[in-house]
Amino acid sequence: QAIFWGSTFAKMTSGYSSAKMSSVERLEDSPEACHGRCLGFEDLRAGWAAAKVITKRSEQARPGYDSMTASEFVEDEEVLKAKVKALAGLIKKAKCCILYSGAGLSTGAGIGDYASQSPESVSGVAPPTRSSFLSEIEGRGGVPSSAPAAKTLLSPLCAQPTLAHRVLVALNKAGFLHRWINQNHDGLPQKAGLPQESINEIHGAWHAPDNPVVPMSGGLRDDLFNDLLDCEARADLAIAVGTSLCGMNADRVVTTPAKKAGKDCLGSVVIGLQQTVHDSDCTLRIFARCDDVFALLAKEMQLDVAAEIPAGQYFVPAVLQGLPEDGYIFRGLSYDASGNHSEAHQLDLDLRDDAELVIPRGMHACARGVVDGFDREGNLRCRFTLKPQRGKLRAPVMLLLGRWWIQAAVNGSVPSLPVVNVPPETAAPAAQDLRKLMEAYAA
């Protein structure tokens, strides 16, 4: 497990000579904006230098939203270590710790984000500058390198979890997280082993047919929003990771604990390369890449972090290990015909190839489809006939079902399932209700 700070810090600062490091530009702002309010450890803050400016930009990170510039900053090595030690202390004190993650958590996996505007970004996904590209060609006698970039933008469906994802999963497994609220749609926490019941994919998911991605002008799903409100009310510590906190409704899960910070509430922690408009309100502000922070946190808290899965291999939930795909039928699940958790009912779920499915809730509730094979990671490809918002033309659309959902279904650990089989014509009320809705959807 490559979770050691030294190598990553060396890579981050390799562009600076010792002379440049002594005169490097630093963030100019209040102590609160640079480090947070540091409630209970203000004396430590007095000895911390402001973060170094790594890339300086004048444009906004998220144009049209309540964001700061796209400039990026990183802490000195010793300051970062001290801040991570303070973070560990807050996590250990918290009774209800909520994690709130944004696109910056997944840039290390090769997934692009909106906020990394600079070609010199250290987020891991920015393209090379024109000057560096031409210089590299010139150095090779006019022939560009055929080697892939160290960090290449990937299709989000091909991305794999980063070290930060694996450390956060270990933090959850150790009992330190109450809920992970994820703005991302990529399923990387679950690919790192996070149980589905531990996450709220508030803005939609690419691996749950009942939870399509929410457009910027769209509304949040009622059950997920209610869970968010519960987390907002209960949280005594919120950790924002890789998010601009630029005014999304879900940002409240961070801003509310920050406002309540005091005797009975630890407030918020903000982790990322760029400034946010809420930095002065948080308890602790850390400027760094996510992998660097959580590598140190794993060491500080002695977390049992899973090893990186070798390239070409993928996460397999326990229930599917050794099970052939033609054996994907799961009997006696604690759900009714509509996929709602129920101790009074039992559901058989057939996920073998060509099995007929229906989406029981969400934007595409009551759309019918079939299992149509598996992707390279073993997630189910489900071909649904969806009704357009306008017009009458219907077209088959392929949607993915993450195979971690099968583990959750067998465990009975989630309140509802994203797909069920077409219900039989029985007297069971849930089956009758679903069939009526399916008929109305098909009309």
Foldseek 3Di string as FASTA:
>chain_A
DPLDQPVVVCVLCVVDDPVCVVVFDFDDDDLLLQWNPQVPPVVVSVPFDGWGWQADDQDFLAPPFQFHRLTFTAGDPVNLLVQLLVVLVVLVPWPAEEEEEEPLQCVCQQADDRRNPDCRDPSQHRPHDPVVQVVQCVVVVNDGDPDDDPRHRDDLQPTEHDLLLLLVQLCVVVPSHQAYEYCDARCRNVQSPRFPLRYQNFQFHQAFLQGHGAPPPGDTDVVSVVVLVVLLVPTLEYEYEHDQCGDDPSSSSQVSNLVVPDDRHPHYEYEETGGHPCSSSGNTYGRDRSSSSSSSNCVSVVTDGDDDDDPLATDDDPVCVVPDLQRPKAWFWQADQLFFGHVVDIAIAHQHFFFKKAFCHHPQHLWIWTFHDADSHRWTWTWTFGADPDDGDTDTDTGTHGPSLVVCRRVSSDRGGRMGGQADPDPPPVNVVSVVVNVVRVD
